[in-house]
Protein backbone atom coordinates (compact mmCIF):
# COMPACT_ATOMS: atom_id res chain seq x y z
CA MET A 1 -201.45 -73.26 -3.17
CA THR A 2 -202.08 -77.61 -1.38
CA THR A 3 -199.98 -78.44 0.74
CA THR A 4 -198.90 -81.80 1.90
CA THR A 5 -200.51 -81.59 4.82
CA ASP A 6 -203.73 -80.85 2.98
CA THR A 7 -203.19 -83.97 0.13
CA VAL A 8 -202.73 -86.08 3.47
CA ALA A 9 -205.95 -84.56 5.57
CA ALA A 10 -208.23 -85.21 1.96
CA ILE A 11 -206.63 -88.70 2.44
CA ASP A 12 -207.79 -89.08 4.95
CA GLU A 13 -211.10 -88.24 4.79
CA VAL A 14 -211.52 -90.61 1.69
CA ILE A 15 -210.06 -93.83 3.37
CA GLY A 16 -211.35 -92.72 7.23
CA THR A 17 -209.19 -92.98 10.46
CA CYS A 18 -209.38 -94.94 13.09
CA ASN A 19 -211.28 -93.72 15.89
CA GLN A 20 -208.99 -94.86 18.45
CA CYS A 21 -205.62 -94.37 17.35
CA GLY A 22 -206.42 -91.98 14.47
CA ARG A 23 -204.12 -93.34 11.78
CA PRO A 24 -205.75 -94.25 8.06
CA LEU A 25 -207.58 -97.32 7.89
CA GLY A 26 -205.40 -98.77 5.30
CA GLU A 27 -206.39 -102.05 4.36
CA SER A 28 -208.22 -102.66 7.29
CA PRO A 29 -211.52 -104.39 7.25
CA SER A 30 -213.34 -102.33 9.83
CA ASP A 31 -214.82 -98.84 8.83
CA ASP A 32 -213.92 -97.61 12.10
CA PHE A 33 -210.50 -99.50 13.50
CA CYS A 34 -207.29 -99.63 12.24
CA SER A 35 -206.63 -102.83 14.18
CA GLU A 36 -208.33 -105.22 16.49
CA ASN A 37 -206.27 -103.91 19.28
CA CYS A 38 -207.77 -100.71 18.87
CA GLN A 39 -211.02 -102.25 18.34
CA GLN A 40 -210.96 -103.74 21.94
CA VAL A 41 -209.05 -100.68 23.24
CA TRP A 42 -211.96 -98.36 22.26
CA ARG A 43 -214.72 -100.51 23.50
CA SER A 44 -213.23 -101.53 27.02
CA ALA A 45 -212.86 -97.54 27.26
CA ASN A 46 -216.66 -96.69 25.82
CA ARG A 47 -218.19 -99.67 27.31
CA VAL A 48 -221.85 -99.40 29.37
CA VAL A 49 -221.48 -102.01 31.89
CA MET A 50 -224.82 -103.70 32.73
CA ALA A 51 -225.41 -103.99 36.47
CA GLY A 52 -224.59 -107.63 37.50
CA HIS A 53 -227.43 -108.75 38.74
CA GLU A 54 -229.43 -107.56 35.48
CA VAL A 55 -227.15 -109.76 33.39
CA LEU A 56 -226.92 -112.23 35.85
CA ASP A 57 -230.80 -113.03 35.39
CA GLN A 58 -230.26 -112.91 31.69
CA VAL A 59 -227.60 -115.46 31.94
CA ARG A 60 -230.12 -117.74 34.11
CA ASP A 61 -232.98 -117.13 31.94
CA PHE A 62 -231.49 -117.66 28.71
CA VAL A 63 -230.33 -121.27 29.95
CA ALA A 64 -233.19 -122.47 31.28
CA ARG A 65 -234.97 -122.13 27.58
CA PHE A 66 -233.04 -125.10 26.41
CA ASN A 67 -232.70 -127.70 29.23
CA VAL A 68 -235.55 -128.52 31.93
CA PHE A 69 -233.55 -129.00 35.27
CA PRO A 70 -234.30 -131.10 38.38
CA SER A 71 -234.22 -128.15 40.36
CA GLU A 72 -235.13 -124.08 40.90
CA HIS A 73 -231.63 -124.19 41.75
CA CYS A 74 -229.43 -125.21 38.52
CA ALA A 75 -229.93 -122.22 36.28
CA PRO A 76 -229.44 -119.84 38.96
CA MET A 77 -225.82 -121.88 39.46
CA LEU A 78 -224.77 -122.41 36.03
CA ALA A 79 -225.18 -118.60 35.65
CA LEU A 80 -223.27 -118.31 38.57
CA TRP A 81 -220.23 -120.73 37.01
CA TYR A 82 -220.28 -119.24 33.75
CA ALA A 83 -219.80 -116.03 35.65
CA HIS A 84 -216.85 -117.58 37.76
CA THR A 85 -215.08 -118.76 34.04
CA HIS A 86 -214.37 -115.03 33.23
CA ALA A 87 -212.34 -113.93 36.23
CA ALA A 88 -211.26 -117.81 37.22
CA ASP A 89 -207.22 -116.59 37.23
CA HIS A 90 -208.64 -114.61 40.19
CA PHE A 91 -209.43 -117.29 42.34
CA TYR A 92 -207.69 -119.49 44.21
CA VAL A 93 -209.72 -122.51 43.02
CA THR A 94 -212.31 -122.81 40.23
CA PRO A 95 -214.80 -125.80 41.34
CA ARG A 96 -215.61 -128.40 38.27
CA LEU A 97 -218.87 -128.32 37.30
CA ILE A 98 -220.64 -132.28 36.71
CA LEU A 99 -223.37 -133.15 34.97
CA SER A 100 -224.97 -136.21 35.45
CA SER A 101 -227.36 -138.93 34.47
CA VAL A 102 -228.67 -142.35 35.15
CA GLU A 103 -229.89 -142.45 31.09
CA PRO A 104 -228.50 -141.04 27.78
CA GLY A 105 -230.79 -138.34 26.70
CA SER A 106 -231.36 -136.17 29.54
CA GLY A 107 -230.18 -133.06 28.04
CA LYS A 108 -226.28 -132.64 29.65
CA THR A 109 -224.70 -132.51 26.24
CA ARG A 110 -227.19 -129.45 25.46
CA VAL A 111 -226.11 -128.08 28.39
CA LEU A 112 -222.62 -127.67 27.21
CA GLU A 113 -223.63 -126.87 24.30
CA VAL A 114 -225.04 -123.57 25.37
CA ALA A 115 -222.36 -122.75 27.71
CA GLN A 116 -219.40 -122.60 24.95
CA PHE A 117 -221.29 -119.30 24.39
CA LEU A 118 -221.41 -118.04 27.70
CA VAL A 119 -217.98 -118.93 29.41
CA ARG A 120 -214.70 -117.88 28.68
CA ALA A 121 -212.56 -119.35 25.90
CA PRO A 122 -214.58 -122.37 25.51
CA GLU A 123 -212.75 -125.45 24.29
CA MET A 124 -215.43 -128.60 23.82
CA THR A 125 -214.11 -131.65 23.28
CA PHE A 126 -215.28 -135.50 23.16
CA SER A 127 -212.31 -137.14 23.04
CA ALA A 128 -209.43 -135.24 23.19
CA THR A 129 -205.78 -136.93 24.59
CA THR A 130 -204.74 -136.36 27.43
CA ALA A 131 -201.48 -134.76 26.28
CA ALA A 132 -203.57 -132.28 23.58
CA LEU A 133 -205.50 -131.13 26.85
CA PHE A 134 -201.87 -130.51 28.76
CA ARG A 135 -200.98 -128.65 25.93
CA MET A 136 -204.14 -126.23 25.38
CA VAL A 137 -204.94 -125.59 29.45
CA SER A 138 -200.60 -124.36 29.81
CA GLU A 139 -200.63 -122.20 26.81
CA GLY A 140 -204.71 -120.70 27.90
CA PRO A 141 -206.76 -119.57 29.36
CA ILE A 142 -209.67 -122.19 28.29
CA THR A 143 -212.72 -123.70 29.69
CA ILE A 144 -212.62 -127.37 29.29
CA LEU A 145 -216.22 -128.44 28.15
CA PHE A 146 -215.55 -132.74 28.24
CA ASP A 147 -218.54 -134.41 27.42
CA GLU A 148 -219.02 -137.89 27.16
CA VAL A 149 -216.23 -138.18 30.10
CA ASP A 150 -217.90 -141.44 31.27
CA THR A 151 -216.42 -143.38 28.56
CA ILE A 152 -212.58 -142.17 29.51
CA PHE A 153 -213.27 -143.23 33.36
CA GLY A 154 -215.63 -146.02 33.03
CA GLY A 155 -215.06 -149.40 32.16
CA LYS A 156 -212.25 -150.74 30.83
CA ASN A 157 -210.77 -147.30 30.39
CA GLY A 158 -210.99 -146.20 33.81
CA GLY A 159 -207.52 -147.22 35.16
CA ASN A 160 -205.98 -146.17 32.25
CA ASN A 161 -206.42 -142.63 32.27
CA GLU A 162 -204.72 -141.43 35.75
CA ASP A 163 -202.77 -138.95 33.75
CA LEU A 164 -206.42 -137.04 33.04
CA ARG A 165 -207.22 -137.23 36.65
CA GLY A 166 -204.58 -135.85 37.84
CA LEU A 167 -204.57 -133.29 35.43
CA LEU A 168 -208.74 -132.42 36.56
CA ASN A 169 -207.82 -133.12 40.30
CA ALA A 170 -204.88 -130.58 40.29
CA GLY A 171 -206.30 -127.85 38.03
CA TYR A 172 -208.67 -127.31 40.25
CA LYS A 173 -206.53 -125.15 42.53
CA ARG A 174 -204.44 -121.81 40.98
CA GLY A 175 -200.70 -122.60 40.61
CA ALA A 176 -201.10 -126.09 40.13
CA THR A 177 -199.09 -127.97 37.66
CA VAL A 178 -198.23 -131.41 36.48
CA ALA A 179 -194.61 -132.65 35.74
CA ARG A 180 -194.10 -134.29 32.98
CA CYS A 181 -190.74 -135.81 31.04
CA VAL A 182 -190.42 -134.91 27.46
CA GLY A 183 -188.09 -135.09 24.58
CA ASP A 184 -186.40 -138.13 23.66
CA ALA A 185 -184.03 -139.86 25.27
CA LYS A 186 -181.06 -138.41 24.80
CA ALA A 187 -182.63 -134.83 25.92
CA MET A 188 -185.15 -135.76 28.10
CA LYS A 189 -185.90 -132.83 30.51
CA VAL A 190 -188.75 -132.32 33.12
CA GLN A 191 -191.59 -129.81 32.43
CA ARG A 192 -193.78 -128.35 34.83
CA PHE A 193 -197.17 -128.05 32.63
CA PRO A 194 -200.07 -125.50 34.15
CA VAL A 195 -202.73 -126.79 34.56
CA PHE A 196 -205.37 -124.81 36.64
CA ALA A 197 -208.76 -124.40 34.47
CA PRO A 198 -212.01 -123.70 34.87
CA ALA A 199 -213.94 -127.78 33.62
CA ALA A 200 -217.61 -129.11 33.07
CA LEU A 201 -217.65 -132.87 32.54
CA ALA A 202 -220.72 -134.34 31.35
CA GLY A 203 -221.47 -138.15 31.46
CA ILE A 204 -223.54 -141.28 32.85
CA ALA A 205 -222.84 -141.50 36.43
CA GLY A 206 -221.42 -143.89 38.61
CA ASN A 207 -218.00 -143.74 36.52
CA MET A 208 -216.65 -140.21 37.73
CA PRO A 209 -213.68 -140.25 40.22
CA ASP A 210 -214.69 -139.49 43.67
CA THR A 211 -211.05 -137.35 43.94
CA ILE A 212 -213.18 -135.54 41.04
CA THR A 213 -217.02 -135.50 42.48
CA THR A 214 -215.21 -134.04 45.47
CA ARG A 215 -214.21 -131.06 44.21
CA ALA A 216 -217.16 -130.57 41.62
CA ILE A 217 -220.95 -129.04 42.08
CA THR A 218 -222.74 -131.72 40.55
CA VAL A 219 -226.47 -131.51 38.65
CA HIS A 220 -228.13 -134.92 38.29
CA MET A 221 -230.21 -134.59 35.28
CA LYS A 222 -232.95 -136.16 34.38
CA ARG A 223 -234.93 -136.99 30.78
CA ARG A 224 -237.76 -134.16 30.22
CA ARG A 225 -241.18 -135.56 29.86
CA ASP A 226 -243.33 -135.36 27.39
CA ASP A 227 -244.73 -132.52 28.81
CA GLU A 228 -242.15 -130.68 29.56
CA GLU A 229 -241.55 -127.95 26.66
CA VAL A 230 -237.76 -126.19 25.97
CA ASP A 231 -237.00 -124.12 22.82
CA GLU A 232 -235.47 -125.40 19.81
CA PHE A 233 -231.62 -125.47 19.59
CA TRP A 234 -230.63 -123.77 16.34
CA GLU A 235 -226.81 -123.93 17.38
CA GLU A 236 -225.84 -120.91 14.97
CA GLU A 237 -229.43 -118.62 15.98
CA VAL A 238 -228.40 -119.07 19.59
CA GLU A 239 -224.30 -118.40 19.07
CA THR A 240 -225.87 -114.89 17.62
CA GLU A 241 -227.91 -114.37 20.80
CA ALA A 242 -225.67 -115.82 23.31
CA ALA A 243 -223.11 -113.19 21.96
CA PRO A 244 -223.92 -109.88 23.97
CA LEU A 245 -224.79 -112.07 26.52
CA ARG A 246 -221.29 -113.25 27.16
CA ASP A 247 -220.09 -109.71 26.12
CA ALA A 248 -222.20 -108.02 29.32
CA LEU A 249 -221.29 -110.91 31.58
CA ALA A 250 -217.74 -110.88 30.86
CA ALA A 251 -217.21 -107.19 30.77
CA TRP A 252 -219.71 -106.71 34.30
CA VAL A 253 -217.21 -109.65 35.68
CA ASP A 254 -213.83 -107.70 34.62
CA SER A 255 -215.17 -104.39 36.64
CA VAL A 256 -215.61 -106.03 39.61
CA THR A 257 -212.39 -108.56 39.49
CA ASP A 258 -210.42 -106.82 42.40
CA LYS A 259 -213.68 -106.70 44.80
CA ILE A 260 -214.83 -110.39 44.48
CA SER A 261 -210.84 -111.57 44.30
CA ARG A 262 -210.68 -109.99 47.35
CA GLY A 263 -213.71 -111.11 49.43
CA ARG A 264 -214.48 -113.38 52.38
CA PRO A 265 -217.62 -114.19 51.49
CA THR A 266 -220.47 -115.62 54.34
CA MET A 267 -221.08 -119.43 54.06
CA PRO A 268 -224.58 -120.77 55.00
CA PRO A 269 -225.43 -122.55 58.04
CA GLY A 270 -223.19 -125.93 58.23
CA VAL A 271 -221.00 -125.58 54.98
CA ARG A 272 -217.33 -125.32 55.17
CA ASP A 273 -213.86 -126.65 54.52
CA ARG A 274 -213.88 -128.52 50.86
CA SER A 275 -217.90 -127.40 50.21
CA ALA A 276 -217.00 -123.77 51.44
CA GLU A 277 -214.32 -123.92 49.13
CA ILE A 278 -216.15 -124.77 46.19
CA TRP A 279 -218.86 -122.36 46.65
CA ARG A 280 -216.81 -119.28 47.57
CA PRO A 281 -216.01 -118.05 44.28
CA LEU A 282 -219.80 -118.34 43.32
CA ILE A 283 -221.07 -116.77 45.97
CA ALA A 284 -218.41 -113.70 45.93
CA ILE A 285 -219.63 -113.23 42.53
CA ALA A 286 -223.64 -113.26 43.70
CA ASP A 287 -222.63 -110.59 46.53
CA ALA A 288 -221.45 -108.28 43.67
CA ALA A 289 -223.83 -108.77 41.33
CA GLY A 290 -226.25 -107.78 44.40
CA GLY A 291 -230.52 -107.64 44.25
CA HIS A 292 -231.71 -111.28 45.09
CA TRP A 293 -228.68 -112.79 43.99
CA PRO A 294 -226.73 -113.46 47.49
CA ASP A 295 -229.66 -115.28 49.27
CA THR A 296 -230.00 -116.79 45.13
CA ALA A 297 -226.52 -118.13 45.65
CA ARG A 298 -226.92 -119.23 49.35
CA ALA A 299 -230.06 -121.32 48.50
CA ALA A 300 -228.44 -122.97 45.66
CA CYS A 301 -225.49 -123.74 47.84
CA LEU A 302 -226.99 -125.29 50.37
CA HIS A 303 -229.00 -127.39 47.57
CA PHE A 304 -226.23 -128.79 46.49
CA VAL A 305 -224.18 -129.37 49.30
CA GLU A 306 -227.18 -131.59 50.46
CA VAL A 307 -227.61 -133.50 47.51
CA ALA A 308 -225.96 -137.07 47.60
CA ASN A 309 -223.45 -138.11 45.35
CA THR A 310 -224.73 -141.63 44.70
CA ASP A 311 -223.00 -144.35 43.01
CA ARG A 312 -225.36 -144.38 39.68
CA SER A 313 -224.10 -147.13 37.87
CA GLY A 314 -225.94 -149.79 35.73
CA GLY A 315 -228.96 -147.99 33.58
CA GLY A 316 -229.85 -150.40 31.98
CA THR A 317 -230.55 -152.83 34.47
CA ARG A 318 -232.75 -150.10 36.45
CA VAL A 319 -234.79 -149.20 33.19
CA ARG A 320 -235.68 -152.95 33.30
CA LEU A 321 -236.58 -152.69 37.11
CA LEU A 322 -238.75 -149.13 36.17
CA ALA A 323 -240.93 -151.23 33.79
CA ASP A 324 -241.30 -154.45 35.78
CA LEU A 325 -242.47 -152.19 38.95
CA ARG A 326 -245.18 -150.47 36.62
CA GLU A 327 -246.29 -153.89 35.25
CA VAL A 328 -246.71 -155.15 39.36
CA PHE A 329 -248.43 -151.99 40.51
CA SER A 330 -250.83 -152.30 37.00
CA ALA A 331 -251.75 -155.66 37.81
CA ALA A 332 -252.10 -154.78 41.39
CA ARG A 333 -254.30 -151.67 40.64
CA ALA A 334 -252.80 -150.02 43.53
CA ASP A 335 -250.79 -146.73 44.27
CA GLU A 336 -248.62 -148.59 47.39
CA LEU A 337 -247.18 -151.68 47.80
CA PRO A 338 -245.72 -153.28 50.59
CA THR A 339 -241.69 -154.28 49.86
CA ALA A 340 -242.00 -158.00 50.64
CA ALA A 341 -245.09 -157.68 48.17
CA ILE A 342 -243.44 -156.50 45.78
CA LEU A 343 -240.02 -158.57 45.94
CA ASP A 344 -242.46 -161.56 45.64
CA ALA A 345 -243.56 -160.48 42.25
CA LEU A 346 -240.69 -159.65 40.60
CA THR A 347 -238.54 -162.64 41.45
CA GLY A 348 -241.64 -164.62 40.15
CA MET A 349 -241.44 -163.13 36.93
CA GLU A 350 -240.52 -165.39 34.53
CA GLU A 351 -237.30 -164.69 32.28
CA ALA A 352 -236.90 -161.46 34.60
CA PRO A 353 -233.35 -161.51 35.93
CA TRP A 354 -235.01 -160.42 39.84
CA ALA A 355 -234.67 -164.05 40.70
CA ASP A 356 -230.96 -164.20 40.63
CA LEU A 357 -228.81 -160.94 40.34
CA ASP A 358 -224.82 -161.73 41.25
CA GLY A 359 -226.05 -165.47 42.37
CA LYS A 360 -228.94 -164.62 44.64
CA PRO A 361 -232.34 -162.93 44.54
CA LEU A 362 -233.59 -159.25 44.64
CA ASP A 363 -233.72 -157.75 47.88
CA ALA A 364 -235.02 -154.97 49.94
CA ARG A 365 -231.87 -153.26 50.66
CA ARG A 366 -230.94 -153.68 46.85
CA LEU A 367 -234.32 -152.53 45.47
CA ALA A 368 -233.95 -149.46 47.39
CA ARG A 369 -230.41 -148.89 46.03
CA GLU A 370 -231.36 -149.06 42.17
CA LEU A 371 -234.80 -146.99 43.00
CA LYS A 372 -232.60 -144.18 44.64
CA PRO A 373 -231.07 -142.10 41.51
CA TYR A 374 -234.70 -141.71 40.60
CA GLY A 375 -235.23 -140.05 43.30
CA VAL A 376 -237.66 -143.14 44.72
CA THR A 377 -237.67 -144.14 48.44
CA SER A 378 -239.38 -146.31 50.51
CA LYS A 379 -242.32 -144.92 52.92
CA ASN A 380 -245.00 -146.46 54.95
CA VAL A 381 -247.43 -148.49 53.66
CA ARG A 382 -250.72 -149.49 55.51
CA LEU A 383 -252.07 -153.44 55.48
CA PRO A 384 -255.15 -154.78 56.15
CA GLY A 385 -255.25 -154.78 60.19
CA ASP A 386 -254.16 -151.87 60.61
CA LYS A 387 -250.70 -152.89 60.56
CA VAL A 388 -247.64 -150.83 58.89
CA ALA A 389 -244.95 -152.06 56.89
CA LYS A 390 -242.43 -150.28 54.71
CA GLY A 391 -243.26 -150.21 51.08
CA TYR A 392 -243.43 -148.08 47.98
CA HIS A 393 -245.89 -145.65 46.49
CA VAL A 394 -246.82 -144.52 42.63
CA THR A 395 -247.73 -141.13 43.38
CA GLY A 396 -246.47 -138.47 45.54
CA ASP A 397 -242.77 -137.46 46.66
CA GLY A 398 -240.59 -140.32 46.26
CA GLY A 399 -242.77 -142.05 44.60
CA LEU A 400 -242.43 -144.37 40.95
CA ALA A 401 -244.90 -142.42 38.60
CA ASP A 402 -242.32 -139.36 38.41
CA ALA A 403 -239.56 -142.22 36.89
CA TRP A 404 -242.28 -144.00 34.73
CA SER A 405 -243.12 -140.71 33.11
CA ARG A 406 -239.50 -139.33 32.67
CA TYR A 407 -238.00 -143.18 32.02
CA LEU A 408 -240.11 -145.17 30.37
CA PRO A 409 -242.65 -145.05 27.03
CA ALA A 410 -246.33 -144.15 27.66
CA THR A 411 -248.75 -147.17 27.98
CA ALA A 412 -252.66 -147.63 27.71
CA THR A 413 -252.60 -149.06 30.66
CA SER A 414 -250.63 -147.16 33.84
CA ALA A 415 -250.37 -147.54 37.85
CA THR A 416 -251.04 -144.44 38.13
CA GLY A 417 -255.02 -144.77 36.13
CA ALA A 418 -255.30 -147.53 38.46
CA THR A 419 -255.34 -145.72 41.61
CA ALA A 420 -258.59 -144.36 40.58
CA GLN A 421 -260.06 -147.18 41.20
CA ALA A 422 -257.84 -148.31 44.26
CA ARG A 423 -255.96 -147.42 46.71
CA GLY A 424 -253.35 -149.68 49.17
CA VAL A 425 -253.10 -153.07 48.48
CA ALA A 426 -255.89 -154.51 46.30
CA ASP A 427 -257.85 -157.39 47.47
CA THR A 428 -260.51 -157.94 44.67
CA GLU A 429 -261.10 -161.74 42.84
CA GLY A 430 -260.32 -159.75 39.42
CA VAL A 431 -256.63 -160.27 39.87
CA ALA A 432 -254.78 -162.95 38.54
CA ASP A 433 -252.31 -165.57 40.76
CA ALA A 434 -249.44 -163.42 39.78
CA THR A 435 -251.52 -160.33 41.12
CA ALA A 436 -252.63 -162.13 44.09
CA THR A 437 -248.77 -163.14 44.70
CA ALA A 438 -247.88 -159.30 43.80
CA VAL A 439 -250.34 -157.89 46.70
CA ARG A 440 -250.02 -160.60 49.14
CA PRO A 441 -248.94 -159.14 52.66
CA PRO A 442 -245.57 -159.79 53.95
CA PRO A 443 -245.31 -162.95 56.82
CA PRO A 444 -245.59 -161.80 60.47
CA SER A 445 -242.00 -161.63 61.89
């Protein structure tokens, strides 16, 4: 005789039961769980947590596939920053991440596009209003990924976004709120919005407020050279490939949150105050991961702390300067030229702006300031008669060749090629008058 219990059991066998709670699956689209909650509980209880150093290695390598970074420390830092978003609530501060460049097309947006598949609760935005961001952060948790932020803080709009600046400033520390009046005139009341949230900001350099940059780790991105290859970015494929990596990262971070939240990591020598505050979450995560990561994180910390936050505005003028400098060095067939000769050549160019910049000609100080964002620096240059003067080189550390290869189109004739035929200040008869001006040594002081 068939009982009711037997009938229910037979039905359950046909329909299936939840692996977590044992109830019938009913109309659940899953073959294993009756609800998303049961699925999450089961996965949490049965997950295999990857070793911290292994998952961070995989995140670092994944990130490095889609960008060429200006330093070996960038990809490891990004892996640690992405990890910290999964435990931000356990830290006192969440360092801002700034991706800047002197020119567009330097890979800033691509970093954010990859990041959205690795961080916790990403909110990718280009032009969200301040009010919308207040609401999203207060209803969090979210990780703000804000692209083209230079259009918000730069130029004419710079003074109209104090509320957004306040959100990003205050949101750096846990428990921070921003008070705002809400409601109509008859029922106005003060509401305090919680604003603590990780934030990555990308934009053209020079327009970011100092109050944000001093709370940030800044990566000065550079345009990729023709010989620097990266993987193709097909968003749907990247998302699919990143999903298990993000889950593994979140699972590992969740397994060590108590340890990293109570950690008091030892900072590298000379890193203190605000810099130590910024780096504490990332170094705590690295210490918990083990392997090479404690040393890797501290090396990255020293690198980024030492990177000067330079004002990098005025990109269009700078590109023109790079192009004209390449013309000067090509005409001179030289690898190095004294600053005085360079300035003579630049200010002597017809239809060039260098003879009248803001009412005065380009001088040595302005030249150095314009070239510094590209990593170009002045060095000693040998002159005839065993004299030495300050000047600029094409090749070597701080030379112009790297900036030319990144920001200018290739040309058939380049100063780099000319250096095979001439070194130092050229003195050949086959150079035009303008070239002679370019290579004339500075007058005695």
